[in-house]
Amino acid sequence: ENGVSLTEVVAGYDGIVIANAKSGPDFE
């Protein structure tokens, strides 16, 4: 709408994790 022309490029992938210390309980 504002006349801004763009090209989109995929830079890569990322995951968002839920994590805890190795000494803690396991979570599934």
PDB file of all heavy atoms in Angstrom:
ATOM      1  N   GLU A   1       0.818  -1.216   0.000  1.00  0.00           N
ATOM      2  CA  GLU A   1       0.000   0.000   0.000  1.00  0.00           C
ATOM      3  C   GLU A   1       0.854   1.269   0.000  1.00  0.00           C
ATOM      4  O   GLU A   1       0.440   2.318  -0.505  1.00  0.00           O
ATOM      5  CB  GLU A   1      -0.931   0.002   1.217  1.00  0.00           C
ATOM      6  CG  GLU A   1      -2.039  -1.037   1.141  1.00  0.00           C
ATOM      7  CD  GLU A   1      -2.761  -1.216   2.465  1.00  0.00           C
ATOM      8  OE1 GLU A   1      -2.415  -0.480   3.422  1.00  0.00           O
ATOM      9  OE2 GLU A   1      -3.647  -2.088   2.545  1.00  0.00           O
ATOM     10  N   ASN A   2       2.056   1.157   0.566  1.00  0.00           N
ATOM     11  CA  ASN A   2       2.928   2.324   0.673  1.00  0.00           C
ATOM     12  C   ASN A   2       4.057   2.323  -0.360  1.00  0.00           C
ATOM     13  O   ASN A   2       5.004   3.097  -0.246  1.00  0.00           O
ATOM     14  CB  ASN A   2       3.509   2.404   2.080  1.00  0.00           C
ATOM     15  CG  ASN A   2       2.476   2.809   3.117  1.00  0.00           C
ATOM     16  OD1 ASN A   2       2.207   3.984   3.308  1.00  0.00           O
ATOM     17  ND2 ASN A   2       1.875   1.822   3.770  1.00  0.00           N
ATOM     18  N   GLY A   3       3.927   1.430  -1.356  1.00  0.00           N
ATOM     19  CA  GLY A   3       4.884   1.426  -2.444  1.00  0.00           C
ATOM     20  C   GLY A   3       6.252   0.888  -2.086  1.00  0.00           C
ATOM     21  O   GLY A   3       7.247   1.214  -2.751  1.00  0.00           O
ATOM     22  N   VAL A   4       6.334   0.071  -1.048  1.00  0.00           N
ATOM     23  CA  VAL A   4       7.613  -0.520  -0.637  1.00  0.00           C
ATOM     24  C   VAL A   4       7.733  -1.897  -1.282  1.00  0.00           C
ATOM     25  O   VAL A   4       6.944  -2.797  -0.999  1.00  0.00           O
ATOM     26  CB  VAL A   4       7.707  -0.638   0.899  1.00  0.00           C
ATOM     27  CG1 VAL A   4       9.029  -1.306   1.294  1.00  0.00           C
ATOM     28  CG2 VAL A   4       7.580   0.738   1.542  1.00  0.00           C
ATOM     29  N   SER A   5       8.724  -2.061  -2.135  1.00  0.00           N
ATOM     30  CA  SER A   5       8.924  -3.306  -2.875  1.00  0.00           C
ATOM     31  C   SER A   5      10.027  -4.118  -2.207  1.00  0.00           C
ATOM     32  O   SER A   5      11.115  -3.606  -1.931  1.00  0.00           O
ATOM     33  CB  SER A   5       9.298  -2.991  -4.321  1.00  0.00           C
ATOM     34  OG  SER A   5       9.480  -4.169  -5.062  1.00  0.00           O
ATOM     35  N   LEU A   6       9.745  -5.416  -1.952  1.00  0.00           N
ATOM     36  CA  LEU A   6      10.660  -6.279  -1.205  1.00  0.00           C
ATOM     37  C   LEU A   6      10.851  -7.625  -1.889  1.00  0.00           C
ATOM     38  O   LEU A   6       9.986  -8.086  -2.628  1.00  0.00           O
ATOM     39  CB  LEU A   6      10.116  -6.542   0.203  1.00  0.00           C
ATOM     40  CG  LEU A   6       9.819  -5.371   1.123  1.00  0.00           C
ATOM     41  CD1 LEU A   6       9.053  -5.853   2.340  1.00  0.00           C
ATOM     42  CD2 LEU A   6      11.114  -4.689   1.541  1.00  0.00           C
ATOM     43  N   THR A   7      11.967  -8.253  -1.565  1.00  0.00           N
ATOM     44  CA  THR A   7      12.204  -9.658  -1.898  1.00  0.00           C
ATOM     45  C   THR A   7      12.443 -10.407  -0.601  1.00  0.00           C
ATOM     46  O   THR A   7      13.195  -9.941   0.262  1.00  0.00           O
ATOM     47  CB  THR A   7      13.419  -9.824  -2.826  1.00  0.00           C
ATOM     48  OG1 THR A   7      13.106  -9.288  -4.111  1.00  0.00           O
ATOM     49  CG2 THR A   7      13.803 -11.296  -2.985  1.00  0.00           C
ATOM     50  N   GLU A   8      11.801 -11.565  -0.461  1.00  0.00           N
ATOM     51  CA  GLU A   8      11.939 -12.371   0.757  1.00  0.00           C
ATOM     52  C   GLU A   8      12.930 -13.512   0.519  1.00  0.00           C
ATOM     53  O   GLU A   8      12.897 -14.170  -0.516  1.00  0.00           O
ATOM     54  CB  GLU A   8      10.581 -12.950   1.150  1.00  0.00           C
ATOM     55  CG  GLU A   8      10.609 -13.804   2.408  1.00  0.00           C
ATOM     56  CD  GLU A   8       9.233 -14.378   2.730  1.00  0.00           C
ATOM     57  OE1 GLU A   8       8.815 -15.346   2.061  1.00  0.00           O
ATOM     58  OE2 GLU A   8       8.572 -13.840   3.637  1.00  0.00           O
ATOM     59  N   VAL A   9      13.810 -13.735   1.502  1.00  0.00           N
ATOM     60  CA  VAL A   9      14.789 -14.818   1.437  1.00  0.00           C
ATOM     61  C   VAL A   9      14.746 -15.599   2.752  1.00  0.00           C
ATOM     62  O   VAL A   9      14.688 -15.004   3.829  1.00  0.00           O
ATOM     63  CB  VAL A   9      16.216 -14.270   1.217  1.00  0.00           C
ATOM     64  CG1 VAL A   9      17.218 -15.418   1.101  1.00  0.00           C
ATOM     65  CG2 VAL A   9      16.272 -13.382  -0.018  1.00  0.00           C
ATOM     66  N   VAL A  10      14.740 -16.925   2.657  1.00  0.00           N
ATOM     67  CA  VAL A  10      14.753 -17.770   3.858  1.00  0.00           C
ATOM     68  C   VAL A  10      16.188 -17.876   4.363  1.00  0.00           C
ATOM     69  O   VAL A  10      17.061 -18.394   3.669  1.00  0.00           O
ATOM     70  CB  VAL A  10      14.191 -19.172   3.571  1.00  0.00           C
ATOM     71  CG1 VAL A  10      14.217 -20.013   4.837  1.00  0.00           C
ATOM     72  CG2 VAL A  10      12.773 -19.077   3.027  1.00  0.00           C
ATOM     73  N   ALA A  11      16.419 -17.382   5.565  1.00  0.00           N
ATOM     74  CA  ALA A  11      17.782 -17.368   6.101  1.00  0.00           C
ATOM     75  C   ALA A  11      18.198 -18.712   6.681  1.00  0.00           C
ATOM     76  O   ALA A  11      19.385 -19.006   6.800  1.00  0.00           O
ATOM     77  CB  ALA A  11      17.896 -16.288   7.176  1.00  0.00           C
ATOM     78  N   GLY A  12      17.244 -19.524   7.079  1.00  0.00           N
ATOM     79  CA  GLY A  12      17.547 -20.811   7.703  1.00  0.00           C
ATOM     80  C   GLY A  12      16.416 -21.186   8.631  1.00  0.00           C
ATOM     81  O   GLY A  12      15.322 -20.618   8.555  1.00  0.00           O
ATOM     82  N   TYR A  13      16.679 -22.123   9.532  1.00  0.00           N
ATOM     83  CA  TYR A  13      15.647 -22.615  10.437  1.00  0.00           C
ATOM     84  C   TYR A  13      16.132 -22.526  11.884  1.00  0.00           C
ATOM     85  O   TYR A  13      17.329 -22.558  12.168  1.00  0.00           O
ATOM     86  CB  TYR A  13      15.300 -24.065  10.125  1.00  0.00           C
ATOM     87  CG  TYR A  13      14.869 -24.305   8.701  1.00  0.00           C
ATOM     88  CD1 TYR A  13      15.702 -24.982   7.815  1.00  0.00           C
ATOM     89  CD2 TYR A  13      13.639 -23.840   8.228  1.00  0.00           C
ATOM     90  CE1 TYR A  13      15.316 -25.204   6.505  1.00  0.00           C
ATOM     91  CE2 TYR A  13      13.256 -24.051   6.921  1.00  0.00           C
ATOM     92  CZ  TYR A  13      14.093 -24.741   6.060  1.00  0.00           C
ATOM     93  OH  TYR A  13      13.725 -24.949   4.760  1.00  0.00           O
ATOM     94  N   ASP A  14      15.167 -22.417  12.778  1.00  0.00           N
ATOM     95  CA  ASP A  14      15.478 -22.424  14.202  1.00  0.00           C
ATOM     96  C   ASP A  14      14.374 -23.173  14.921  1.00  0.00           C
ATOM     97  O   ASP A  14      13.225 -23.218  14.462  1.00  0.00           O
ATOM     98  CB  ASP A  14      15.577 -20.993  14.735  1.00  0.00           C
ATOM     99  CG  ASP A  14      16.068 -20.936  16.180  1.00  0.00           C
ATOM    100  OD1 ASP A  14      16.746 -21.896  16.618  1.00  0.00           O
ATOM    101  OD2 ASP A  14      15.789 -19.948  16.864  1.00  0.00           O
ATOM    102  N   GLY A  15      14.716 -23.784  16.021  1.00  0.00           N
ATOM    103  CA  GLY A  15      13.728 -24.429  16.875  1.00  0.00           C
ATOM    104  C   GLY A  15      13.692 -23.727  18.208  1.00  0.00           C
ATOM    105  O   GLY A  15      14.704 -23.201  18.682  1.00  0.00           O
ATOM    106  N   ILE A  16      12.523 -23.672  18.815  1.00  0.00           N
ATOM    107  CA  ILE A  16      12.387 -23.134  20.170  1.00  0.00           C
ATOM    108  C   ILE A  16      12.225 -24.322  21.098  1.00  0.00           C
ATOM    109  O   ILE A  16      11.293 -25.111  20.952  1.00  0.00           O
ATOM    110  CB  ILE A  16      11.188 -22.176  20.274  1.00  0.00           C
ATOM    111  CG1 ILE A  16      11.410 -20.993  19.331  1.00  0.00           C
ATOM    112  CG2 ILE A  16      11.012 -21.692  21.705  1.00  0.00           C
ATOM    113  CD1 ILE A  16      10.233 -20.071  19.240  1.00  0.00           C
ATOM    114  N   VAL A  17      13.154 -24.452  22.018  1.00  0.00           N
ATOM    115  CA  VAL A  17      13.185 -25.636  22.870  1.00  0.00           C
ATOM    116  C   VAL A  17      12.678 -25.318  24.272  1.00  0.00           C
ATOM    117  O   VAL A  17      12.670 -24.168  24.718  1.00  0.00           O
ATOM    118  CB  VAL A  17      14.603 -26.233  22.959  1.00  0.00           C
ATOM    119  CG1 VAL A  17      15.111 -26.607  21.581  1.00  0.00           C
ATOM    120  CG2 VAL A  17      15.569 -25.273  23.640  1.00  0.00           C
ATOM    121  N   ILE A  18      12.253 -26.380  24.943  1.00  0.00           N
ATOM    122  CA  ILE A  18      11.937 -26.342  26.372  1.00  0.00           C
ATOM    123  C   ILE A  18      12.968 -27.265  27.011  1.00  0.00           C
ATOM    124  O   ILE A  18      13.039 -28.448  26.672  1.00  0.00           O
ATOM    125  CB  ILE A  18      10.509 -26.832  26.635  1.00  0.00           C
ATOM    126  CG1 ILE A  18       9.515 -25.988  25.830  1.00  0.00           C
ATOM    127  CG2 ILE A  18      10.181 -26.797  28.124  1.00  0.00           C
ATOM    128  CD1 ILE A  18       8.121 -26.579  25.764  1.00  0.00           C
ATOM    129  N   ALA A  19      13.785 -26.737  27.881  1.00  0.00           N
ATOM    130  CA  ALA A  19      14.920 -27.511  28.372  1.00  0.00           C
ATOM    131  C   ALA A  19      15.149 -27.271  29.860  1.00  0.00           C
ATOM    132  O   ALA A  19      14.684 -26.283  30.433  1.00  0.00           O
ATOM    133  CB  ALA A  19      16.175 -27.139  27.589  1.00  0.00           C
ATOM    134  N   ASN A  20      15.885 -28.197  30.471  1.00  0.00           N
ATOM    135  CA  ASN A  20      16.288 -28.039  31.867  1.00  0.00           C
ATOM    136  C   ASN A  20      17.678 -28.625  32.065  1.00  0.00           C
ATOM    137  O   ASN A  20      18.272 -29.183  31.137  1.00  0.00           O
ATOM    138  CB  ASN A  20      15.272 -28.670  32.817  1.00  0.00           C
ATOM    139  CG  ASN A  20      15.159 -30.173  32.676  1.00  0.00           C
ATOM    140  OD1 ASN A  20      15.337 -30.723  31.586  1.00  0.00           O
ATOM    141  ND2 ASN A  20      14.839 -30.862  33.757  1.00  0.00           N
ATOM    142  N   ALA A  21      18.198 -28.480  33.263  1.00  0.00           N
ATOM    143  CA  ALA A  21      19.527 -28.983  33.569  1.00  0.00           C
ATOM    144  C   ALA A  21      19.555 -30.503  33.483  1.00  0.00           C
ATOM    145  O   ALA A  21      18.555 -31.178  33.780  1.00  0.00           O
ATOM    146  CB  ALA A  21      19.947 -28.527  34.966  1.00  0.00           C
ATOM    147  N   LYS A  22      20.689 -31.043  33.094  1.00  0.00           N
ATOM    148  CA  LYS A  22      20.817 -32.496  32.951  1.00  0.00           C
ATOM    149  C   LYS A  22      20.575 -33.230  34.264  1.00  0.00           C
ATOM    150  O   LYS A  22      20.162 -34.401  34.257  1.00  0.00           O
ATOM    151  CB  LYS A  22      22.196 -32.845  32.397  1.00  0.00           C
ATOM    152  CG  LYS A  22      22.292 -32.656  30.897  1.00  0.00           C
ATOM    153  CD  LYS A  22      23.458 -33.417  30.312  1.00  0.00           C
ATOM    154  CE  LYS A  22      23.347 -33.484  28.795  1.00  0.00           C
ATOM    155  NZ  LYS A  22      24.448 -34.226  28.178  1.00  0.00           N
ATOM    156  N   SER A  23      20.817 -32.566  35.379  1.00  0.00           N
ATOM    157  CA  SER A  23      20.602 -33.209  36.674  1.00  0.00           C
ATOM    158  C   SER A  23      19.140 -33.227  37.089  1.00  0.00           C
ATOM    159  O   SER A  23      18.780 -33.872  38.076  1.00  0.00           O
ATOM    160  CB  SER A  23      21.421 -32.488  37.748  1.00  0.00           C
ATOM    161  OG  SER A  23      21.058 -31.107  37.814  1.00  0.00           O
ATOM    162  N   GLY A  24      18.276 -32.543  36.337  1.00  0.00           N
ATOM    163  CA  GLY A  24      16.856 -32.466  36.664  1.00  0.00           C
ATOM    164  C   GLY A  24      16.066 -33.613  36.067  1.00  0.00           C
ATOM    165  O   GLY A  24      16.597 -34.479  35.367  1.00  0.00           O
ATOM    166  N   PRO A  25      14.759 -33.629  36.338  1.00  0.00           N
ATOM    167  CA  PRO A  25      13.908 -34.703  35.811  1.00  0.00           C
ATOM    168  C   PRO A  25      13.763 -34.627  34.299  1.00  0.00           C
ATOM    169  O   PRO A  25      13.926 -33.565  33.693  1.00  0.00           O
ATOM    170  CB  PRO A  25      12.564 -34.447  36.506  1.00  0.00           C
ATOM    171  CG  PRO A  25      12.578 -32.996  36.857  1.00  0.00           C
ATOM    172  CD  PRO A  25      14.009 -32.654  37.150  1.00  0.00           C
ATOM    173  N   ASP A  26      13.461 -35.774  33.686  1.00  0.00           N
ATOM    174  CA  ASP A  26      13.202 -35.824  32.252  1.00  0.00           C
ATOM    175  C   ASP A  26      11.767 -35.386  31.982  1.00  0.00           C
ATOM    176  O   ASP A  26      10.847 -35.735  32.727  1.00  0.00           O
ATOM    177  CB  ASP A  26      13.407 -37.242  31.713  1.00  0.00           C
ATOM    178  CG  ASP A  26      14.860 -37.690  31.803  1.00  0.00           C
ATOM    179  OD1 ASP A  26      15.748 -36.818  31.772  1.00  0.00           O
ATOM    180  OD2 ASP A  26      15.092 -38.906  31.916  1.00  0.00           O
ATOM    181  N   PHE A  27      11.582 -34.635  30.905  1.00  0.00           N
ATOM    182  CA  PHE A  27      10.252 -34.177  30.523  1.00  0.00           C
ATOM    183  C   PHE A  27       9.918 -34.670  29.122  1.00  0.00           C
ATOM    184  O   PHE A  27      10.688 -34.455  28.178  1.00  0.00           O
ATOM    185  CB  PHE A  27      10.165 -32.648  30.550  1.00  0.00           C
ATOM    186  CG  PHE A  27       9.991 -32.067  31.921  1.00  0.00           C
ATOM    187  CD1 PHE A  27      11.099 -31.788  32.707  1.00  0.00           C
ATOM    188  CD2 PHE A  27       8.732 -31.799  32.425  1.00  0.00           C
ATOM    189  CE1 PHE A  27      10.953 -31.253  33.976  1.00  0.00           C
ATOM    190  CE2 PHE A  27       8.571 -31.268  33.688  1.00  0.00           C
ATOM    191  CZ  PHE A  27       9.687 -30.987  34.472  1.00  0.00           C
ATOM    192  N   GLU A  28       8.789 -35.342  28.995  1.00  0.00           N
ATOM    193  CA  GLU A  28       8.203 -35.685  27.696  1.00  0.00           C
ATOM    194  C   GLU A  28       6.823 -35.063  27.678  1.00  0.00           C
ATOM    195  O   GLU A  28       5.910 -35.518  28.372  1.00  0.00           O
ATOM    196  CB  GLU A  28       8.142 -37.196  27.509  1.00  0.00           C
ATOM    197  CG  GLU A  28       9.509 -37.852  27.405  1.00  0.00           C
ATOM    198  CD  GLU A  28       9.434 -39.304  26.976  1.00  0.00           C
ATOM    199  OE1 GLU A  28       8.366 -39.713  26.446  1.00  0.00           O
ATOM    200  OE2 GLU A  28      10.430 -40.023  27.151  1.00  0.00           O
TER     201      GLU A  28
END
